[in-house]
Protein backbone atom coordinates (compact mmCIF):
# COMPACT_ATOMS: atom_id res chain seq x y z
CA MET A 1 -0.23 0.07 0.04
CA VAL A 2 1.11 3.58 -0.87
CA HIS A 3 0.08 6.56 1.55
CA ASP A 4 -0.58 10.12 0.52
CA ILE A 5 -1.46 13.40 1.16
CA ASN A 6 -3.48 15.10 -1.48
CA GLY A 7 -2.66 12.73 -4.17
CA TYR A 8 1.38 12.84 -3.13
CA VAL A 9 3.02 9.99 -1.95
CA THR A 10 4.40 10.20 1.66
CA ASP A 11 6.08 7.08 2.43
CA THR A 12 9.70 7.79 1.86
CA PRO A 13 11.41 11.36 2.42
CA TYR A 14 12.58 13.18 -0.99
CA LEU A 15 16.22 13.92 -1.38
CA ARG A 16 18.36 16.40 0.42
CA ASP A 17 18.96 19.14 -2.64
CA PHE A 18 19.20 23.26 -3.11
CA LYS A 19 17.81 24.67 -6.10
CA PRO A 20 19.91 27.89 -7.06
CA MET A 21 17.00 29.21 -9.40
CA LEU A 22 14.63 30.20 -6.06
CA ALA A 23 17.86 32.56 -4.76
CA PRO A 24 15.95 35.65 -5.10
CA ALA A 25 18.90 37.31 -6.96
CA TRP A 26 18.43 34.25 -9.94
CA LEU A 27 14.74 35.73 -9.68
CA ASP A 28 15.17 38.79 -9.88
CA TYR A 29 17.81 38.60 -13.08
CA VAL A 30 14.62 36.19 -15.01
CA ALA A 31 12.90 39.45 -14.34
CA LEU A 32 15.31 42.02 -15.54
CA VAL A 33 15.37 39.89 -18.49
CA ALA A 34 12.38 40.29 -19.69
CA GLY A 35 12.34 43.94 -18.70
CA VAL A 36 10.39 43.74 -15.20
CA GLU A 37 11.41 45.38 -12.30
CA PRO A 38 12.26 42.80 -9.46
CA PRO A 39 10.85 43.15 -5.89
CA ALA A 40 12.55 46.33 -3.84
CA ARG A 41 14.80 44.59 -1.21
CA GLN A 42 16.79 47.73 0.66
CA ASP A 43 14.48 47.43 3.10
CA GLY A 44 14.45 43.36 3.72
CA PHE A 45 11.95 40.87 1.69
CA ALA A 46 10.02 37.82 2.91
CA TRP A 47 10.15 34.58 0.72
CA CYS A 48 8.20 31.62 0.84
CA ASP A 49 8.27 27.94 -0.68
CA LEU A 50 5.22 26.07 -1.33
CA GLY A 51 6.10 22.34 -0.95
CA CYS A 52 9.78 22.82 0.79
CA GLY A 53 10.60 19.10 0.92
CA GLN A 54 13.52 18.13 3.40
CA GLY A 55 14.21 22.38 3.56
CA VAL A 56 17.70 22.72 2.35
CA THR A 57 16.79 25.51 -0.32
CA ALA A 58 15.13 27.57 2.39
CA ALA A 59 17.82 26.94 5.00
CA VAL A 60 20.84 28.03 2.60
CA LEU A 61 18.83 30.93 1.08
CA ALA A 62 17.98 32.25 4.85
CA ALA A 63 21.59 31.66 6.02
CA THR A 64 22.83 33.60 3.03
CA HIS A 65 20.34 36.58 3.38
CA PRO A 66 20.13 37.28 6.96
CA ALA A 67 17.63 40.68 5.92
CA GLY A 68 15.11 37.99 4.43
CA ILE A 69 12.26 36.28 6.18
CA PHE A 70 12.06 32.99 5.10
CA HIS A 71 8.95 30.47 5.26
CA GLY A 72 8.98 26.77 4.09
CA ILE A 73 5.81 24.63 4.39
CA ASP A 74 5.02 21.12 3.77
CA ALA A 75 2.79 18.57 4.17
CA MET A 76 5.18 15.72 5.24
CA GLY A 77 5.98 15.73 8.91
CA THR A 78 9.61 14.06 8.29
CA HIS A 79 10.42 16.53 5.59
CA ILE A 80 9.71 19.65 8.16
CA SER A 81 11.42 17.72 11.24
CA HIS A 82 14.81 17.65 8.93
CA ALA A 83 14.64 21.16 7.88
CA ARG A 84 14.60 22.57 11.60
CA ARG A 85 17.30 20.21 12.72
CA LEU A 86 19.39 21.39 10.04
CA ALA A 87 18.21 25.60 10.69
CA ALA A 88 19.03 24.83 14.09
CA GLU A 89 22.40 23.16 13.91
CA ALA A 90 23.36 25.51 11.45
CA ALA A 91 21.85 28.63 13.42
CA VAL A 92 20.00 29.69 11.26
CA SER A 93 17.76 32.05 12.92
CA ASN A 94 15.42 33.52 10.08
CA VAL A 95 13.59 30.31 8.77
CA ARG A 96 10.58 28.95 10.06
CA PHE A 97 8.88 25.76 8.82
CA HIS A 98 5.53 24.63 8.90
CA ALA A 99 4.15 21.13 9.13
CA THR A 100 1.17 21.65 7.02
CA ASP A 101 -0.86 21.43 3.61
CA PHE A 102 -1.69 24.25 1.30
CA ALA A 103 -5.41 24.39 2.61
CA ALA A 104 -4.66 25.08 5.86
CA ALA A 105 -1.29 27.43 4.97
CA LEU A 106 -4.12 29.21 4.16
CA GLU A 107 -5.24 30.09 7.56
CA LEU A 108 -1.64 30.24 8.85
CA ASP A 109 -0.25 34.05 10.38
CA LEU A 110 1.98 34.70 7.75
CA PRO A 111 3.62 38.09 6.27
CA ARG A 112 2.93 38.87 2.57
CA PHE A 113 6.05 37.93 0.84
CA ASP A 114 8.33 39.46 -2.14
CA TYR A 115 9.14 35.86 -3.44
CA ILE A 116 6.58 32.75 -3.57
CA VAL A 117 8.46 29.62 -5.04
CA ALA A 118 6.83 25.93 -5.47
CA HIS A 119 9.45 23.48 -7.32
CA GLY A 120 8.46 19.81 -8.55
CA VAL A 121 5.14 19.98 -6.46
CA TYR A 122 2.32 21.50 -8.61
CA THR A 123 2.00 18.82 -11.22
CA TRP A 124 2.07 15.96 -8.53
CA ILE A 125 -0.55 17.11 -6.24
CA ASP A 126 -4.55 16.76 -6.93
CA ARG A 127 -6.68 19.64 -8.40
CA ASP A 128 -8.03 21.07 -4.90
CA SER A 129 -4.06 21.45 -3.62
CA GLN A 130 -3.71 23.11 -7.12
CA HIS A 131 -6.35 25.65 -5.93
CA ALA A 132 -5.33 25.61 -2.88
CA LEU A 133 -2.07 26.72 -3.93
CA GLY A 134 -3.22 29.35 -6.02
CA ARG A 135 -4.65 31.19 -3.28
CA PHE A 136 -2.17 31.04 -0.92
CA ILE A 137 -0.24 33.08 -4.06
CA GLU A 138 -3.38 34.91 -4.75
CA ARG A 139 -3.57 36.26 -0.74
CA ARG A 140 0.07 36.68 0.09
CA LEU A 141 1.89 37.40 -2.60
CA LYS A 142 2.98 41.55 -2.78
CA PRO A 143 2.31 43.92 -5.83
CA GLY A 144 5.52 43.85 -7.68
CA GLY A 145 6.48 40.18 -6.11
CA LEU A 146 7.85 37.15 -8.20
CA ALA A 147 6.30 33.52 -7.89
CA TYR A 148 7.81 30.73 -9.26
CA LEU A 149 6.33 27.38 -10.33
CA GLY A 150 8.51 24.13 -11.82
CA TYR A 151 6.33 21.52 -13.14
CA ASN A 152 6.64 18.50 -15.17
CA ALA A 153 5.12 19.77 -18.61
CA MET A 154 3.90 18.58 -21.78
CA PRO A 155 4.31 17.61 -24.57
CA GLY A 156 7.86 16.47 -23.30
CA TRP A 157 6.65 13.74 -20.58
CA ALA A 158 4.46 11.86 -23.83
CA ARG A 159 6.06 9.37 -24.68
CA ASP A 160 7.14 8.29 -21.04
CA LEU A 161 3.63 8.69 -19.54
CA PRO A 162 3.30 4.40 -20.02
CA PHE A 163 6.22 4.24 -18.33
CA GLN A 164 4.52 6.16 -14.68
CA ARG A 165 1.54 4.17 -15.25
CA MET A 166 3.37 0.84 -15.22
CA LEU A 167 5.60 1.75 -12.35
CA ARG A 168 3.52 3.32 -10.24
CA GLU A 169 0.92 -0.42 -11.02
CA LEU A 170 3.64 -2.25 -10.50
CA GLY A 171 5.38 -0.15 -7.32
CA ARG A 172 1.59 -0.97 -5.99
CA SER A 173 1.46 -4.58 -6.26
CA ILE A 174 5.11 -5.73 -5.96
CA PRO A 175 5.18 -6.64 -1.46
CA GLY A 176 7.70 -5.26 0.24
CA GLU A 177 9.67 -1.92 1.50
CA ILE A 178 8.58 1.00 -1.08
CA ALA A 179 11.64 2.15 -2.20
CA VAL A 180 12.75 -1.55 -3.01
CA ARG A 181 9.35 -2.36 -4.76
CA VAL A 182 10.03 0.62 -7.37
CA THR A 183 13.65 -0.47 -7.81
CA ALA A 184 11.83 -3.81 -8.49
CA ALA A 185 9.43 -2.19 -10.90
CA ALA A 186 11.86 -0.10 -12.93
CA GLU A 187 14.13 -3.34 -13.64
CA LEU A 188 11.23 -5.07 -14.70
CA ILE A 189 9.75 -2.38 -16.80
CA ARG A 190 13.25 -2.47 -18.31
CA SER A 191 12.87 -5.88 -19.09
CA LEU A 192 9.75 -5.47 -21.25
CA ALA A 193 11.28 -2.61 -23.11
CA GLU A 194 14.33 -5.09 -23.97
CA ALA A 195 11.63 -7.81 -25.09
CA GLY A 196 10.55 -5.20 -27.36
CA VAL A 197 7.55 -3.24 -25.85
CA PRO A 198 6.96 -0.44 -28.02
CA SER A 199 5.59 2.53 -25.92
CA LEU A 200 8.53 1.50 -23.33
CA ALA A 201 11.53 0.91 -25.78
CA ASN A 202 10.90 4.97 -26.66
CA SER A 203 10.38 6.07 -22.80
CA PHE A 204 13.19 8.87 -22.34
CA ILE A 205 13.43 8.03 -18.32
CA ARG A 206 13.73 4.52 -18.67
CA ARG A 207 16.73 4.88 -21.47
CA GLU A 208 17.91 7.49 -18.61
CA LEU A 209 17.47 4.86 -15.87
CA THR A 210 19.87 2.35 -17.89
CA GLU A 211 22.43 4.42 -18.79
CA ARG A 212 22.44 7.05 -15.56
CA PRO A 213 21.23 4.90 -12.67
CA ALA A 214 22.91 6.69 -9.92
CA ASP A 215 21.22 9.73 -11.05
CA TYR A 216 17.58 8.27 -10.13
CA PRO A 217 17.97 7.22 -6.79
CA PRO A 218 14.48 5.22 -5.43
CA ALA A 219 13.32 7.88 -3.34
CA TYR A 220 13.32 10.35 -6.57
CA LEU A 221 11.31 7.34 -8.11
CA VAL A 222 8.81 7.24 -5.72
CA HIS A 223 8.16 10.90 -5.65
CA GLU A 224 8.27 11.57 -9.23
CA PHE A 225 6.26 8.35 -10.52
CA LEU A 226 3.90 7.13 -7.76
CA PRO A 227 1.86 9.65 -6.80
CA ALA A 228 -1.86 9.94 -7.79
CA ALA A 229 -2.25 12.80 -8.78
CA TRP A 230 1.04 12.80 -10.72
CA GLN A 231 -0.02 15.15 -14.16
CA PRO A 232 2.06 16.98 -16.63
CA LEU A 233 0.36 19.95 -17.84
CA TYR A 234 0.50 22.25 -21.07
CA VAL A 235 1.68 25.61 -20.27
CA THR A 236 -1.37 27.21 -21.81
CA GLU A 237 -3.26 25.32 -18.72
CA VAL A 238 -0.62 26.46 -16.30
CA ARG A 239 -0.92 29.91 -17.37
CA ALA A 240 -4.45 29.98 -17.29
CA ALA A 241 -4.76 29.01 -13.58
CA MET A 242 -2.61 31.61 -12.37
CA ALA A 243 -3.98 34.52 -14.52
CA ALA A 244 -6.86 34.13 -12.82
CA ASN A 245 -4.86 34.38 -9.47
CA GLY A 246 -3.76 37.75 -10.71
CA LEU A 247 -0.27 36.48 -12.45
CA LEU A 248 1.08 37.26 -15.34
CA PRO A 249 4.42 35.00 -16.88
CA VAL A 250 7.67 36.92 -16.49
CA GLY A 251 9.96 34.29 -18.14
CA SER A 252 11.90 31.04 -17.62
CA ALA A 253 14.71 30.55 -14.32
CA THR A 254 16.04 28.27 -16.88
CA LEU A 255 17.64 30.78 -18.49
CA ASN A 256 18.49 29.92 -22.11
CA GLU A 257 14.60 29.22 -22.56
CA ASN A 258 14.16 33.03 -22.38
CA PHE A 259 16.28 33.40 -25.95
CA ASP A 260 14.70 31.99 -29.00
CA TRP A 261 18.14 32.63 -30.65
CA MET A 262 19.98 29.98 -28.29
CA VAL A 263 16.93 27.24 -27.59
CA LEU A 264 14.88 27.52 -31.47
CA SER A 265 16.28 26.73 -35.07
CA GLU A 266 15.84 29.72 -37.68
CA GLU A 267 13.01 27.76 -38.94
CA ALA A 268 11.54 27.49 -35.94
CA GLN A 269 11.70 31.09 -34.99
CA ARG A 270 10.24 31.92 -38.43
CA LEU A 271 7.24 29.90 -38.09
CA LEU A 272 6.58 30.80 -34.49
CA ALA A 273 6.58 34.56 -35.75
CA ALA A 274 3.08 33.69 -37.09
CA VAL A 275 1.66 32.64 -34.00
CA ARG A 276 0.32 35.97 -32.98
CA GLU A 277 -1.37 34.94 -29.11
CA PRO A 278 1.96 34.84 -26.80
CA ASP A 279 0.50 32.05 -24.81
CA VAL A 280 -0.62 29.82 -27.92
CA ARG A 281 2.72 30.46 -29.42
CA GLU A 282 4.30 29.33 -25.82
CA LEU A 283 2.47 26.29 -26.19
CA ALA A 284 3.86 25.77 -29.99
CA ARG A 285 7.51 26.64 -28.94
CA ASP A 286 7.41 24.21 -26.15
CA PHE A 287 6.34 21.84 -28.93
CA PHE A 288 9.56 22.71 -30.63
CA LEU A 289 11.66 22.48 -27.33
CA ASP A 290 9.99 18.92 -26.84
CA GLN A 291 9.52 20.12 -23.43
CA ARG A 292 9.70 18.18 -20.00
CA PHE A 293 10.12 20.37 -17.36
CA ARG A 294 8.94 24.43 -16.88
CA CYS A 295 10.40 26.90 -14.21
CA ASP A 296 8.02 29.41 -15.03
CA VAL A 297 8.57 33.07 -13.50
CA PHE A 298 5.35 34.85 -12.60
CA ALA A 299 4.71 38.83 -11.72
CA ARG A 300 2.38 40.26 -9.93
CA CYS A 301 1.74 44.18 -11.01
CA GLY A 302 5.67 44.19 -12.24
CA ALA A 303 6.44 47.71 -13.47
CA ALA A 304 8.02 47.50 -17.31
CA LEU A 305 11.65 49.07 -17.66
CA ASP A 306 12.80 50.79 -20.77
CA ALA A 307 15.19 49.00 -22.51
CA GLY A 308 18.22 51.71 -21.42
CA GLU A 309 17.50 50.47 -17.55
CA ARG A 310 16.92 47.07 -18.43
CA ALA A 311 20.51 47.24 -19.84
CA ASP A 312 21.88 48.95 -17.14
CA ARG A 313 20.31 47.11 -14.61
CA LEU A 314 21.77 43.53 -16.56
CA VAL A 315 25.25 44.73 -15.62
CA SER A 316 25.01 46.58 -12.06
CA GLY A 317 23.82 43.54 -10.12
CA ALA A 318 26.77 41.30 -8.71
CA PHE A 319 27.64 38.40 -10.49
CA ALA A 320 29.82 35.01 -9.86
CA LEU A 321 31.11 32.52 -11.45
CA GLY A 322 29.16 29.40 -12.00
CA ARG A 323 31.88 26.82 -12.46
CA PRO A 324 36.08 27.16 -12.24
CA VAL A 325 37.66 28.49 -14.93
CA PRO A 326 39.35 25.47 -16.41
CA ALA A 327 35.62 24.21 -16.46
CA ILE A 328 34.17 27.35 -18.98
CA ARG A 329 34.35 26.49 -22.54
CA TYR A 330 33.06 29.35 -23.92
CA SER A 331 30.44 27.56 -26.50
CA MET A 332 26.93 25.96 -25.46
CA ALA A 333 25.00 23.40 -27.56
CA THR A 334 22.33 24.66 -29.28
CA PRO A 335 19.46 23.24 -31.66
CA SER A 336 21.36 25.04 -34.73
CA GLY A 337 24.68 23.82 -33.68
CA PRO A 338 27.09 25.15 -31.09
CA LEU A 339 27.09 28.58 -30.29
CA VAL A 340 30.39 29.94 -29.42
CA TYR A 341 31.16 33.14 -27.33
CA ASP A 342 34.70 33.01 -27.01
CA ASN A 343 34.94 36.89 -27.40
CA PRO A 344 36.99 39.67 -25.11
CA THR A 345 34.17 40.59 -23.42
CA SER A 346 33.23 36.81 -22.70
CA ARG A 347 36.58 36.42 -21.56
CA ALA A 348 37.48 39.89 -19.52
CA ILE A 349 34.31 38.40 -17.46
CA VAL A 350 35.48 36.04 -16.48
CA ALA A 351 38.95 37.08 -15.39
CA GLY A 352 37.14 39.76 -13.87
CA LEU A 353 34.93 37.37 -11.54
CA ALA A 354 37.67 35.16 -11.31
CA ASP A 355 38.50 36.52 -7.89
CA GLY A 356 34.98 36.25 -6.24
CA PRO A 357 31.76 38.36 -7.17
CA ARG A 358 31.43 41.62 -8.28
CA SER A 359 29.33 43.94 -10.63
CA LEU A 360 30.04 43.58 -14.08
CA ILE A 361 30.32 47.67 -14.58
CA GLY A 362 33.86 48.23 -15.32
CA LEU A 363 34.29 44.81 -16.61
CA ALA A 364 32.41 44.75 -20.09
CA LYS A 365 30.11 48.05 -19.92
CA PRO A 366 27.13 47.61 -22.80
CA VAL A 367 27.85 49.57 -24.99
CA SER A 368 26.36 47.45 -27.63
CA GLN A 369 23.51 45.01 -28.07
CA SER A 370 26.21 42.55 -28.88
CA ASP A 371 28.02 43.14 -25.49
CA VAL A 372 24.33 42.87 -23.59
CA ARG A 373 24.05 39.61 -25.72
CA THR A 374 27.23 38.25 -24.43
CA ILE A 375 26.73 38.75 -20.96
CA LEU A 376 23.09 37.17 -21.02
CA THR A 377 24.89 34.52 -22.97
CA LEU A 378 27.49 33.55 -20.14
CA CYS A 379 24.31 33.22 -17.61
CA ALA A 380 22.71 31.40 -19.94
CA ALA A 381 24.84 28.94 -20.15
CA GLY A 382 25.82 28.47 -16.36
CA ASP A 383 29.06 30.25 -16.67
CA VAL A 384 28.46 32.77 -14.81
CA MET A 385 25.16 33.41 -12.24
CA PRO A 386 23.43 36.41 -10.62
CA VAL A 387 24.48 36.44 -6.88
CA GLU A 388 23.78 38.91 -3.98
CA PRO A 389 25.91 42.02 -3.77
CA GLY A 390 27.08 41.45 0.04
CA GLN A 391 28.83 38.50 2.05
CA ALA A 392 26.84 36.78 4.01
CA ALA A 393 28.44 34.52 7.05
CA VAL A 394 28.36 30.76 6.15
CA ARG A 395 30.57 29.26 7.83
CA GLU A 396 28.07 27.93 10.35
CA LEU A 397 26.05 26.38 7.88
CA ASN A 398 28.60 24.91 5.94
CA ARG A 399 30.05 22.94 9.00
CA ALA A 400 27.12 21.17 9.42
CA LEU A 401 26.78 20.45 5.88
CA LEU A 402 30.05 18.86 5.68
CA ARG A 403 29.58 16.83 9.11
CA ARG A 404 27.04 15.42 7.05
CA CYS A 405 29.04 13.86 4.24
CA GLY A 406 29.01 10.05 4.00
CA GLY A 407 26.17 9.94 6.39
CA PRO A 408 22.45 8.97 5.94
CA GLU A 409 21.44 12.76 6.04
CA GLU A 410 24.48 13.61 3.79
CA ILE A 411 23.72 17.19 1.30
CA ARG A 412 26.49 17.56 -1.52
CA TRP A 413 26.38 21.21 -1.44
CA ILE A 414 28.29 24.34 0.36
CA ALA A 415 26.72 27.71 0.76
CA LEU A 416 28.63 30.49 -0.83
CA PRO A 417 28.45 34.22 1.05
CA CYS A 418 26.97 35.56 -1.77
CA GLY A 419 23.67 34.10 -1.56
CA THR A 420 23.37 30.74 -3.28
CA ALA A 421 25.18 27.41 -2.98
CA LEU A 422 27.29 24.74 -5.23
CA GLU A 423 27.17 21.18 -5.65
CA LEU A 424 30.33 19.47 -4.63
CA ASP A 425 32.04 16.08 -5.88
CA ARG A 426 31.57 13.81 -2.56
CA ASP A 427 35.71 13.44 -2.52
CA LEU A 428 35.72 17.30 -2.71
CA ILE A 429 33.94 17.84 0.48
CA ARG A 430 35.78 15.19 2.33
CA LEU A 431 38.65 17.16 1.09
CA LEU A 432 37.02 20.85 2.57
CA ARG A 433 35.27 18.81 5.40
CA ASP A 434 38.95 17.63 6.69
CA GLY A 435 40.84 20.77 5.79
CA GLU A 436 43.15 18.90 3.28
CA GLU A 437 44.69 20.23 0.08
CA ILE A 438 42.80 20.22 -2.92
CA ASP A 439 44.64 18.36 -5.66
CA GLU A 440 44.55 20.38 -8.79
CA CYS A 441 45.29 17.68 -11.00
CA ARG A 442 41.96 15.85 -9.98
CA PHE A 443 39.82 19.15 -9.38
CA PRO A 444 41.25 21.53 -11.95
CA GLY A 445 40.87 24.89 -10.94
CA TRP A 446 38.66 24.00 -7.78
CA ARG A 447 41.34 25.42 -5.17
CA ASP A 448 41.10 28.98 -6.11
CA PHE A 449 37.39 28.86 -6.72
CA ILE A 450 36.49 28.01 -3.63
CA ALA A 451 39.33 29.85 -2.56
CA ALA A 452 37.85 33.19 -4.15
CA HIS A 453 34.75 32.86 -2.43
CA GLY A 454 36.12 32.40 0.86
CA VAL A 455 34.44 29.25 1.95
CA SER A 456 36.71 26.80 4.00
CA GLY A 457 35.69 23.80 5.93
CA GLN A 458 37.16 24.78 9.05
């Protein structure tokens, strides 16, 4: 038997993970790219995670944004217990966690929020819970605030619908503990696919499980595929629901998806130009992209910025390298082939950020559209990321995270003082934890990269 709350599986805890795109600076950047004024944060701000899971994202962001007020809401008591333990162990005092569902959360004594986020929740819960989530945003998001929804999308999931149904039914019928059942069900599906079952042989996720099994632990399979309410949605359905709650689409927290020239062929761009209605055009765009997961950002009453102010704001904020310098290739794959951005502006930005986060003013003044495009490309490729201009104290949090290395509640992320976190190789985490020197041959660039952020394991 599989237990659930409002259609969501509660038999086993979800993964302990951090989502960088939920950080205020990242969401602000999405708004700026779209020419929309982000929330004003000079006097503090409030942030809420609906379906916060184990609370890692909320705890890390609270620790790295001491001027903010953070709340996490989740219906699973085991998730909230972990979140509270992590916050207490790391001495994070500006975050509160609530063990309740979205309908009951409407009655909580909470502030109005500048940011409300819900990652990997919306298409796993039943219709009543979706409506409650929408009502929460309608009641609690400030004018000028940003809301984020990360959800399974169609048409990309179409070829995996048979896989999901088979895994769910097999997982419910096989005896034993749930993680064992879902692993056995996945193995049986693999055998069926190899025997020539067409609908399973064409499954993307079935192929992923064969080629990269370590990336899909049992806890992921349970929470991804077993919820009774699991249902990928088309973007037009989600936008209509959010419009009913007073929200308009701004852009995608998957940064490259904000630019047709990065993700679409010239022919696709030409064909889409004939679709005049914006939501229908976005739907058609998802068909070109075979979209599986959307990271949508919405705004309530967001003020528009003119082109000059947008360009200025895009470089005046703080940025950090998203990876060590040796890992930056100045090229990214696109449907039209490799997009190469190896130019003096790119090199100047990377060199300037190698010593740590800073504003891009003085590194690459956007005197031309080409310069702005280069900056946008670096961020979209993941080489550069928007961060906070200040430096928060993260030593206690990182000590708590590093102590868990190799244990049952391992979290493979370290917090950065600039308002985000980085996922690290487990062996690199061990070196930090033990205060050992980082081997430059094995981890090229990582020693300087971590030192530039002032992070240590001691």
